[in-house]
Amino acid sequence: MAVRYYTDDCSYRLPQKRLTARWLREVAEAEGYVLGDVFIDVETVADNARRYGATRLCEMRRVVVHGVLHLCGQGDKTPRTNRQMHRKEDKYLKFWDEKLSAGS
């Protein structure tokens, strides 16, 4: 698995034929790899951080977790799966924060 960060300036180089989500979303799954790639638009992450009152780092972590959950098969298109996605994001972000606090 790879996490790839990009800006609007280089977004034209993304493998658009492989994207399975809307192309301007901050996370898009790419098929054809062992597990997959997560593409993250850093400018959208910054905009979302401002919109939701989060730091850029916290929003970036959430987007990374969100993308990994998609690669693991978690959807978010229905109200039910969207709630599941948010619960799982919160769970894994808490785990991530605990590991960082413990120095692991």
Protein backbone atom coordinates (compact mmCIF):
# COMPACT_ATOMS: atom_id res chain seq x y z
CA MET A 1 0.00 0.00 0.00
CA ALA A 2 1.14 3.51 -0.71
CA VAL A 3 -0.17 6.89 0.38
CA ARG A 4 0.44 9.50 -2.30
CA TYR A 5 0.06 13.20 -1.64
CA TYR A 6 -0.59 15.68 -4.41
CA THR A 7 -1.69 19.26 -5.09
CA ASP A 8 -3.93 20.63 -7.80
CA ASP A 9 -0.80 21.58 -9.76
CA CYS A 10 0.11 17.93 -10.33
CA SER A 11 -3.33 16.33 -10.18
CA TYR A 12 -3.37 15.93 -13.95
CA ARG A 13 -0.69 13.24 -13.56
CA LEU A 14 -2.89 10.96 -11.45
CA PRO A 15 -3.87 7.68 -13.08
CA GLN A 16 -7.44 8.83 -13.67
CA LYS A 17 -8.49 5.64 -15.42
CA ARG A 18 -7.81 3.69 -12.23
CA LEU A 19 -9.69 5.95 -9.86
CA THR A 20 -12.90 4.45 -8.54
CA ALA A 21 -14.07 7.48 -6.54
CA ARG A 22 -14.87 10.98 -7.78
CA TRP A 23 -11.61 12.47 -8.93
CA LEU A 24 -11.68 15.64 -6.84
CA ARG A 25 -12.28 13.82 -3.55
CA GLU A 26 -9.37 13.95 -1.12
CA VAL A 27 -9.21 10.17 -1.07
CA ALA A 28 -9.62 7.91 -4.07
CA GLU A 29 -8.99 4.21 -4.26
CA ALA A 30 -6.79 2.90 -7.03
CA GLU A 31 -7.24 -0.68 -8.14
CA GLY A 32 -4.66 -2.94 -9.72
CA TYR A 33 -2.13 -3.08 -6.90
CA VAL A 34 -1.53 -5.70 -4.22
CA LEU A 35 -3.66 -3.70 -1.81
CA GLY A 36 -4.01 -0.31 -3.42
CA ASP A 37 -2.97 3.28 -3.26
CA VAL A 38 -4.56 6.16 -1.39
CA PHE A 39 -4.37 9.52 -3.17
CA ILE A 40 -4.63 12.59 -0.92
CA ASP A 41 -5.09 16.14 -2.16
CA VAL A 42 -3.24 18.21 0.45
CA GLU A 43 -5.09 21.39 -0.49
CA THR A 44 -8.47 19.75 0.07
CA VAL A 45 -7.22 18.43 3.41
CA ALA A 46 -6.25 21.99 4.41
CA ASP A 47 -9.66 23.31 3.32
CA ASN A 48 -11.45 20.57 5.26
CA ALA A 49 -9.33 21.23 8.35
CA ARG A 50 -10.47 24.87 8.30
CA ARG A 51 -14.07 23.87 7.63
CA TYR A 52 -14.21 21.34 10.50
CA GLY A 53 -12.04 23.28 12.96
CA ALA A 54 -9.27 20.66 12.98
CA THR A 55 -5.54 21.00 12.55
CA ARG A 56 -4.09 20.04 9.19
CA LEU A 57 -2.24 17.16 10.83
CA CYS A 58 -5.39 15.77 12.46
CA GLU A 59 -7.34 16.06 9.21
CA MET A 60 -4.50 14.43 7.26
CA ARG A 61 -4.46 11.50 9.67
CA ARG A 62 -8.24 11.14 9.36
CA VAL A 63 -8.00 11.10 5.57
CA VAL A 64 -5.23 8.49 5.64
CA VAL A 65 -7.30 6.27 7.96
CA HIS A 66 -10.38 6.88 5.78
CA GLY A 67 -8.49 5.77 2.67
CA VAL A 68 -7.09 2.66 4.34
CA LEU A 69 -10.58 1.73 5.53
CA HIS A 70 -11.82 2.03 1.94
CA LEU A 71 -9.02 -0.28 0.80
CA CYS A 72 -10.14 -2.75 3.45
CA GLY A 73 -13.66 -2.70 2.02
CA GLN A 74 -15.45 -0.17 4.25
CA GLY A 75 -17.96 1.87 2.31
CA ASP A 76 -19.47 5.25 3.17
CA LYS A 77 -22.19 5.83 0.57
CA THR A 78 -25.25 5.08 2.73
CA PRO A 79 -26.14 6.65 6.09
CA ARG A 80 -25.41 3.32 7.81
CA THR A 81 -22.01 2.74 6.18
CA ASN A 82 -21.11 6.40 6.68
CA ARG A 83 -21.74 6.06 10.44
CA GLN A 84 -19.67 2.86 10.45
CA MET A 85 -16.85 4.68 8.64
CA HIS A 86 -16.83 7.52 11.18
CA ARG A 87 -16.85 5.11 14.15
CA LYS A 88 -13.93 3.18 12.67
CA GLU A 89 -12.03 6.39 11.87
CA ASP A 90 -12.44 7.53 15.47
CA LYS A 91 -11.36 4.12 16.79
CA TYR A 92 -8.18 3.96 14.73
CA LEU A 93 -7.32 7.62 15.26
CA LYS A 94 -7.57 7.08 19.02
CA PHE A 95 -5.29 4.05 18.68
CA TRP A 96 -2.85 6.11 16.57
CA ASP A 97 -2.82 8.94 19.16
CA GLU A 98 -2.26 6.47 22.00
CA LYS A 99 0.69 4.92 20.19
CA LEU A 100 2.21 8.34 19.52
CA SER A 101 1.73 9.38 23.14
CA ALA A 102 3.40 6.19 24.34
CA GLY A 103 6.34 6.84 22.06
CA SER A 104 5.88 3.62 20.11
